[in-house]
Amino acid sequence: MSIKPSHYEALLAEYSDRHAIIELLKQFRPYLEMLPSMRRPSDSLIGVPLPLIRIRIEDLLDNNVSRYRNEVIQLPCDIGILMCDPEWKIKTGVEIFIFIYRPGEDFSDLLGRWRKTQVLLHNTYEWVLPPRYKHILTDGADDVLPLFVAFDDTPKRVLKGLRGASLPYVIQHPKAGFIQEADDLENGDTDELSFSEIDISEIDLG
């Protein structure tokens, strides 16, 4: 199976739903255990596709006078996950960023997206969230963690690079008929695509 843009788009749409995010985290238990409440998992996280953050930038003017301005930037990840206390409705110090393998990416491209995310989050920032989450305090995080999602046909050197860099990833296995569904989607058929269980690589987070 060759990886098509519709495969990436289908996964992006899939993980835009918080219940699908929980199923994904179940495949990597160290992250699942970071949920503030295992009894109320759907109330314990906010998933944001193609997330935006507002960063504070310092401009140095004449006479060494500083001026600060805010700038909204789209992160180069695919899904941002905020952990939230379901009782107090406040964000915890853990944020997880999902990187779905995009057709044509090599290891440097995929790793580069994570590195750029790290650089941007090194600034003072806050999340730009949908109106329903405006009450959530969204200043920075103590732990910023990545999770990569790959396909069977993702180049082996990409997976080898992720393992070498001690970065966790899961492999997405399309169900039977997935290729035809993807072709139909590219041809204008909007039927929902379905996915099977995800396998997890053995990564030691140290």
C-alpha atoms as a PDB file:
ATOM      1  CA  MET A   1       0.000   0.000   0.000  1.00  0.00           C
ATOM      2  CA  SER A   2       1.371   3.389  -0.943  1.00  0.00           C
ATOM      3  CA  ILE A   3       0.593   6.133   1.559  1.00  0.00           C
ATOM      4  CA  LYS A   4      -1.772   8.704   0.075  1.00  0.00           C
ATOM      5  CA  PRO A   5      -2.761  12.165   1.300  1.00  0.00           C
ATOM      6  CA  SER A   6      -6.231  10.790   2.059  1.00  0.00           C
ATOM      7  CA  HIS A   7      -4.694   8.320   4.545  1.00  0.00           C
ATOM      8  CA  TYR A   8      -3.183  11.201   6.484  1.00  0.00           C
ATOM      9  CA  GLU A   9      -6.383  13.268   6.239  1.00  0.00           C
ATOM     10  CA  ALA A  10      -8.474  10.350   7.495  1.00  0.00           C
ATOM     11  CA  LEU A  11      -6.281   9.910  10.567  1.00  0.00           C
ATOM     12  CA  LEU A  12      -6.276  13.645  11.251  1.00  0.00           C
ATOM     13  CA  ALA A  13     -10.069  13.606  11.161  1.00  0.00           C
ATOM     14  CA  GLU A  14     -10.160  10.443  13.296  1.00  0.00           C
ATOM     15  CA  TYR A  15      -8.035  11.927  16.057  1.00  0.00           C
ATOM     16  CA  SER A  16      -9.950  15.190  16.066  1.00  0.00           C
ATOM     17  CA  ASP A  17     -12.433  13.277  18.257  1.00  0.00           C
ATOM     18  CA  ARG A  18     -11.464  12.965  21.931  1.00  0.00           C
ATOM     19  CA  HIS A  19     -12.746   9.384  22.171  1.00  0.00           C
ATOM     20  CA  ALA A  20     -10.424   8.354  19.355  1.00  0.00           C
ATOM     21  CA  ILE A  21      -7.566  10.134  21.144  1.00  0.00           C
ATOM     22  CA  ILE A  22      -8.253   8.064  24.256  1.00  0.00           C
ATOM     23  CA  GLU A  23      -8.144   4.881  22.168  1.00  0.00           C
ATOM     24  CA  LEU A  24      -4.815   6.039  20.763  1.00  0.00           C
ATOM     25  CA  LEU A  25      -3.385   6.724  24.219  1.00  0.00           C
ATOM     26  CA  LYS A  26      -4.471   3.240  25.303  1.00  0.00           C
ATOM     27  CA  GLN A  27      -1.853   1.934  22.889  1.00  0.00           C
ATOM     28  CA  PHE A  28       0.870   3.762  24.829  1.00  0.00           C
ATOM     29  CA  ARG A  29       0.160   3.269  28.507  1.00  0.00           C
ATOM     30  CA  PRO A  30       2.716   5.752  29.931  1.00  0.00           C
ATOM     31  CA  TYR A  31       0.698   8.553  28.347  1.00  0.00           C
ATOM     32  CA  LEU A  32      -2.687   7.049  29.213  1.00  0.00           C
ATOM     33  CA  GLU A  33      -1.678   6.964  32.875  1.00  0.00           C
ATOM     34  CA  MET A  34      -1.132  10.726  32.766  1.00  0.00           C
ATOM     35  CA  LEU A  35      -4.875  11.321  32.441  1.00  0.00           C
ATOM     36  CA  PRO A  36      -6.062  13.099  35.601  1.00  0.00           C
ATOM     37  CA  SER A  37      -9.018  10.713  35.893  1.00  0.00           C
ATOM     38  CA  MET A  38      -9.139   7.176  34.483  1.00  0.00           C
ATOM     39  CA  ARG A  39     -12.816   7.027  35.501  1.00  0.00           C
ATOM     40  CA  ARG A  40     -13.661  10.112  33.437  1.00  0.00           C
ATOM     41  CA  PRO A  41     -11.143  10.017  30.586  1.00  0.00           C
ATOM     42  CA  SER A  42     -13.250  11.994  28.110  1.00  0.00           C
ATOM     43  CA  ASP A  43     -13.472  14.872  30.631  1.00  0.00           C
ATOM     44  CA  SER A  44      -9.745  14.708  31.321  1.00  0.00           C
ATOM     45  CA  LEU A  45      -8.388  15.957  28.017  1.00  0.00           C
ATOM     46  CA  ILE A  46      -8.944  18.463  25.247  1.00  0.00           C
ATOM     47  CA  GLY A  47      -7.808  17.551  21.749  1.00  0.00           C
ATOM     48  CA  VAL A  48      -7.033  20.347  19.283  1.00  0.00           C
ATOM     49  CA  PRO A  49      -6.340  19.543  15.605  1.00  0.00           C
ATOM     50  CA  LEU A  50      -3.694  21.731  13.947  1.00  0.00           C
ATOM     51  CA  PRO A  51      -3.397  23.759  17.147  1.00  0.00           C
ATOM     52  CA  LEU A  52      -2.645  27.455  17.541  1.00  0.00           C
ATOM     53  CA  ILE A  53      -0.693  29.109  20.328  1.00  0.00           C
ATOM     54  CA  ARG A  54      -0.213  32.744  21.256  1.00  0.00           C
ATOM     55  CA  ILE A  55       3.406  33.523  22.093  1.00  0.00           C
ATOM     56  CA  ARG A  56       4.891  36.602  23.707  1.00  0.00           C
ATOM     57  CA  ILE A  57       7.751  38.108  21.702  1.00  0.00           C
ATOM     58  CA  GLU A  58      10.199  40.682  22.982  1.00  0.00           C
ATOM     59  CA  ASP A  59      11.384  43.361  20.571  1.00  0.00           C
ATOM     60  CA  LEU A  60      14.430  45.359  21.574  1.00  0.00           C
ATOM     61  CA  LEU A  61      14.014  49.036  20.644  1.00  0.00           C
ATOM     62  CA  ASP A  62      16.453  51.916  20.739  1.00  0.00           C
ATOM     63  CA  ASN A  63      18.153  52.694  24.052  1.00  0.00           C
ATOM     64  CA  ASN A  64      17.739  49.042  25.056  1.00  0.00           C
ATOM     65  CA  VAL A  65      14.024  49.507  25.679  1.00  0.00           C
ATOM     66  CA  SER A  66      11.978  46.339  25.302  1.00  0.00           C
ATOM     67  CA  ARG A  67       8.512  46.104  23.827  1.00  0.00           C
ATOM     68  CA  TYR A  68       6.397  42.973  24.002  1.00  0.00           C
ATOM     69  CA  ARG A  69       3.864  41.803  21.457  1.00  0.00           C
ATOM     70  CA  ASN A  70       1.663  38.749  21.044  1.00  0.00           C
ATOM     71  CA  GLU A  71       1.723  36.608  17.915  1.00  0.00           C
ATOM     72  CA  VAL A  72      -0.532  33.660  17.048  1.00  0.00           C
ATOM     73  CA  ILE A  73       1.314  30.731  15.459  1.00  0.00           C
ATOM     74  CA  GLN A  74       0.178  27.337  14.180  1.00  0.00           C
ATOM     75  CA  LEU A  75       2.236  24.521  15.646  1.00  0.00           C
ATOM     76  CA  PRO A  76       3.701  22.035  13.130  1.00  0.00           C
ATOM     77  CA  CYS A  77       2.115  19.072  14.925  1.00  0.00           C
ATOM     78  CA  ASP A  78      -1.205  17.489  13.921  1.00  0.00           C
ATOM     79  CA  ILE A  79      -3.054  17.171  17.240  1.00  0.00           C
ATOM     80  CA  GLY A  80      -2.376  18.942  20.525  1.00  0.00           C
ATOM     81  CA  ILE A  81      -3.661  17.362  23.741  1.00  0.00           C
ATOM     82  CA  LEU A  82      -4.214  19.269  26.977  1.00  0.00           C
ATOM     83  CA  MET A  83      -4.744  17.300  30.176  1.00  0.00           C
ATOM     84  CA  CYS A  84      -7.457  18.797  32.408  1.00  0.00           C
ATOM     85  CA  ASP A  85      -8.748  18.078  35.892  1.00  0.00           C
ATOM     86  CA  PRO A  86     -12.397  17.034  35.313  1.00  0.00           C
ATOM     87  CA  GLU A  87     -13.547  18.434  38.670  1.00  0.00           C
ATOM     88  CA  TRP A  88     -11.797  21.793  38.776  1.00  0.00           C
ATOM     89  CA  LYS A  89     -11.724  22.349  34.997  1.00  0.00           C
ATOM     90  CA  ILE A  90      -8.098  23.459  35.082  1.00  0.00           C
ATOM     91  CA  LYS A  91      -5.228  22.358  32.891  1.00  0.00           C
ATOM     92  CA  THR A  92      -2.526  20.156  34.364  1.00  0.00           C
ATOM     93  CA  GLY A  93       1.168  20.497  33.532  1.00  0.00           C
ATOM     94  CA  VAL A  94       1.205  17.801  30.824  1.00  0.00           C
ATOM     95  CA  GLU A  95       0.753  18.425  27.100  1.00  0.00           C
ATOM     96  CA  ILE A  96       1.044  15.745  24.405  1.00  0.00           C
ATOM     97  CA  PHE A  97       1.609  16.439  20.727  1.00  0.00           C
ATOM     98  CA  ILE A  98       0.635  13.946  18.020  1.00  0.00           C
ATOM     99  CA  PHE A  99       2.614  13.812  14.779  1.00  0.00           C
ATOM    100  CA  ILE A 100       0.976  11.795  11.988  1.00  0.00           C
ATOM    101  CA  TYR A 101       3.335  10.672   9.249  1.00  0.00           C
ATOM    102  CA  ARG A 102       2.620  12.681   6.104  1.00  0.00           C
ATOM    103  CA  PRO A 103       3.121  11.211   2.610  1.00  0.00           C
ATOM    104  CA  GLY A 104       6.579  12.019   1.302  1.00  0.00           C
ATOM    105  CA  GLU A 105       8.090  12.875   4.678  1.00  0.00           C
ATOM    106  CA  ASP A 106      11.539  11.583   5.518  1.00  0.00           C
ATOM    107  CA  PHE A 107      12.963  11.229   9.016  1.00  0.00           C
ATOM    108  CA  SER A 108      14.425  14.733   9.065  1.00  0.00           C
ATOM    109  CA  ASP A 109      11.029  16.191   8.052  1.00  0.00           C
ATOM    110  CA  LEU A 110       9.095  14.347  10.742  1.00  0.00           C
ATOM    111  CA  LEU A 111      11.678  14.938  13.461  1.00  0.00           C
ATOM    112  CA  GLY A 112      12.003  18.540  12.293  1.00  0.00           C
ATOM    113  CA  ARG A 113       8.317  19.153  12.982  1.00  0.00           C
ATOM    114  CA  TRP A 114       8.806  18.011  16.572  1.00  0.00           C
ATOM    115  CA  ARG A 115      11.957  20.117  16.974  1.00  0.00           C
ATOM    116  CA  LYS A 116      10.161  23.207  15.639  1.00  0.00           C
ATOM    117  CA  THR A 117       7.344  22.533  18.097  1.00  0.00           C
ATOM    118  CA  GLN A 118       9.856  22.344  20.937  1.00  0.00           C
ATOM    119  CA  VAL A 119      11.428  25.644  19.896  1.00  0.00           C
ATOM    120  CA  LEU A 120       8.067  27.422  19.721  1.00  0.00           C
ATOM    121  CA  LEU A 121       6.969  26.057  23.097  1.00  0.00           C
ATOM    122  CA  HIS A 122      10.174  27.361  24.631  1.00  0.00           C
ATOM    123  CA  ASN A 123       8.538  30.794  24.487  1.00  0.00           C
ATOM    124  CA  THR A 124       5.977  32.071  26.956  1.00  0.00           C
ATOM    125  CA  TYR A 125       2.734  30.892  25.346  1.00  0.00           C
ATOM    126  CA  GLU A 126      -0.927  30.119  25.790  1.00  0.00           C
ATOM    127  CA  TRP A 127      -3.254  27.976  23.723  1.00  0.00           C
ATOM    128  CA  VAL A 128      -5.821  29.431  21.364  1.00  0.00           C
ATOM    129  CA  LEU A 129      -8.863  27.258  22.043  1.00  0.00           C
ATOM    130  CA  PRO A 130     -12.431  27.053  20.697  1.00  0.00           C
ATOM    131  CA  PRO A 131     -14.989  29.227  22.550  1.00  0.00           C
ATOM    132  CA  ARG A 132     -16.330  26.279  24.586  1.00  0.00           C
ATOM    133  CA  TYR A 133     -12.944  26.041  26.342  1.00  0.00           C
ATOM    134  CA  LYS A 134     -12.391  29.750  26.999  1.00  0.00           C
ATOM    135  CA  HIS A 135     -12.685  29.130  30.757  1.00  0.00           C
ATOM    136  CA  ILE A 136      -9.612  26.862  30.757  1.00  0.00           C
ATOM    137  CA  LEU A 137      -6.363  28.461  31.892  1.00  0.00           C
ATOM    138  CA  THR A 138      -3.903  27.573  29.142  1.00  0.00           C
ATOM    139  CA  ASP A 139      -0.499  28.907  30.107  1.00  0.00           C
ATOM    140  CA  GLY A 140       2.515  26.683  29.236  1.00  0.00           C
ATOM    141  CA  ALA A 141       3.344  23.190  30.483  1.00  0.00           C
ATOM    142  CA  ASP A 142       5.799  21.377  32.725  1.00  0.00           C
ATOM    143  CA  ASP A 143       5.996  18.320  30.440  1.00  0.00           C
ATOM    144  CA  VAL A 144       5.772  18.558  26.641  1.00  0.00           C
ATOM    145  CA  LEU A 145       5.651  15.080  25.106  1.00  0.00           C
ATOM    146  CA  PRO A 146       5.431  13.733  21.527  1.00  0.00           C
ATOM    147  CA  LEU A 147       3.720  10.671  20.068  1.00  0.00           C
ATOM    148  CA  PHE A 148       4.256   9.720  16.425  1.00  0.00           C
ATOM    149  CA  VAL A 149       1.741   7.813  14.297  1.00  0.00           C
ATOM    150  CA  ALA A 150       3.107   5.888  11.313  1.00  0.00           C
ATOM    151  CA  PHE A 151       1.767   3.507   8.661  1.00  0.00           C
ATOM    152  CA  ASP A 152       2.921   0.080   7.519  1.00  0.00           C
ATOM    153  CA  ASP A 153       4.521   1.688   4.481  1.00  0.00           C
ATOM    154  CA  THR A 154       6.264   4.467   6.362  1.00  0.00           C
ATOM    155  CA  PRO A 155       9.933   4.141   5.295  1.00  0.00           C
ATOM    156  CA  LYS A 156      11.884   1.866   7.626  1.00  0.00           C
ATOM    157  CA  ARG A 157      14.573   4.505   8.078  1.00  0.00           C
ATOM    158  CA  VAL A 158      11.950   6.827   9.580  1.00  0.00           C
ATOM    159  CA  LEU A 159      10.985   4.223  12.175  1.00  0.00           C
ATOM    160  CA  LYS A 160      14.641   3.405  12.803  1.00  0.00           C
ATOM    161  CA  GLY A 161      15.322   7.097  13.365  1.00  0.00           C
ATOM    162  CA  LEU A 162      12.448   7.400  15.846  1.00  0.00           C
ATOM    163  CA  ARG A 163      13.705   4.382  17.759  1.00  0.00           C
ATOM    164  CA  GLY A 164      17.243   5.756  17.750  1.00  0.00           C
ATOM    165  CA  ALA A 165      16.000   9.083  19.091  1.00  0.00           C
ATOM    166  CA  SER A 166      13.967   7.260  21.810  1.00  0.00           C
ATOM    167  CA  LEU A 167      10.746   8.797  20.501  1.00  0.00           C
ATOM    168  CA  PRO A 168       7.526   6.770  20.964  1.00  0.00           C
ATOM    169  CA  TYR A 169       5.464   5.809  17.938  1.00  0.00           C
ATOM    170  CA  VAL A 170       2.559   3.589  16.970  1.00  0.00           C
ATOM    171  CA  ILE A 171       1.873   1.819  13.673  1.00  0.00           C
ATOM    172  CA  GLN A 172      -1.518   2.256  12.012  1.00  0.00           C
ATOM    173  CA  HIS A 173      -2.852  -0.848  10.257  1.00  0.00           C
ATOM    174  CA  PRO A 174      -5.628  -0.099   7.733  1.00  0.00           C
ATOM    175  CA  LYS A 175      -8.547  -2.499   7.725  1.00  0.00           C
ATOM    176  CA  ALA A 176      -9.530  -4.524   4.683  1.00  0.00           C
ATOM    177  CA  GLY A 177     -11.037  -2.230   2.086  1.00  0.00           C
ATOM    178  CA  PHE A 178      -9.248   0.826   3.463  1.00  0.00           C
ATOM    179  CA  ILE A 179      -7.318   1.416   0.231  1.00  0.00           C
ATOM    180  CA  GLN A 180     -10.509   1.427  -1.847  1.00  0.00           C
ATOM    181  CA  GLU A 181     -12.214   3.727   0.675  1.00  0.00           C
ATOM    182  CA  ALA A 182      -9.261   6.100   0.482  1.00  0.00           C
ATOM    183  CA  ASP A 183      -9.434   6.083  -3.303  1.00  0.00           C
ATOM    184  CA  ASP A 184     -13.151   6.808  -3.119  1.00  0.00           C
ATOM    185  CA  LEU A 185     -12.491   9.698  -0.744  1.00  0.00           C
ATOM    186  CA  GLU A 186      -9.944  11.203  -3.119  1.00  0.00           C
ATOM    187  CA  ASN A 187     -12.504  10.865  -5.894  1.00  0.00           C
ATOM    188  CA  GLY A 188     -15.100  12.779  -3.886  1.00  0.00           C
ATOM    189  CA  ASP A 189     -16.775  10.014  -1.859  1.00  0.00           C
ATOM    190  CA  THR A 190     -17.059  11.245   1.746  1.00  0.00           C
ATOM    191  CA  ASP A 191     -17.929   7.892   3.343  1.00  0.00           C
ATOM    192  CA  GLU A 192     -16.213   7.529   6.716  1.00  0.00           C
ATOM    193  CA  LEU A 193     -12.941   5.604   6.744  1.00  0.00           C
ATOM    194  CA  SER A 194     -12.391   2.977   9.421  1.00  0.00           C
ATOM    195  CA  PHE A 195      -9.266   1.842  11.215  1.00  0.00           C
ATOM    196  CA  SER A 196      -8.139  -1.240  13.063  1.00  0.00           C
ATOM    197  CA  GLU A 197      -6.228  -1.476  16.314  1.00  0.00           C
ATOM    198  CA  ILE A 198      -2.883   0.252  16.550  1.00  0.00           C
ATOM    199  CA  ASP A 199       0.376  -1.479  17.448  1.00  0.00           C
ATOM    200  CA  ILE A 200       2.862   0.166  19.762  1.00  0.00           C
ATOM    201  CA  SER A 201       6.624   0.078  19.426  1.00  0.00           C
ATOM    202  CA  GLU A 202       8.620  -0.790  22.501  1.00  0.00           C
ATOM    203  CA  ILE A 203      10.151   2.512  23.522  1.00  0.00           C
ATOM    204  CA  ASP A 204      11.902   3.120  26.828  1.00  0.00           C
ATOM    205  CA  LEU A 205      11.044   6.648  27.964  1.00  0.00           C
ATOM    206  CA  GLY A 206      13.864   6.486  30.495  1.00  0.00           C
END
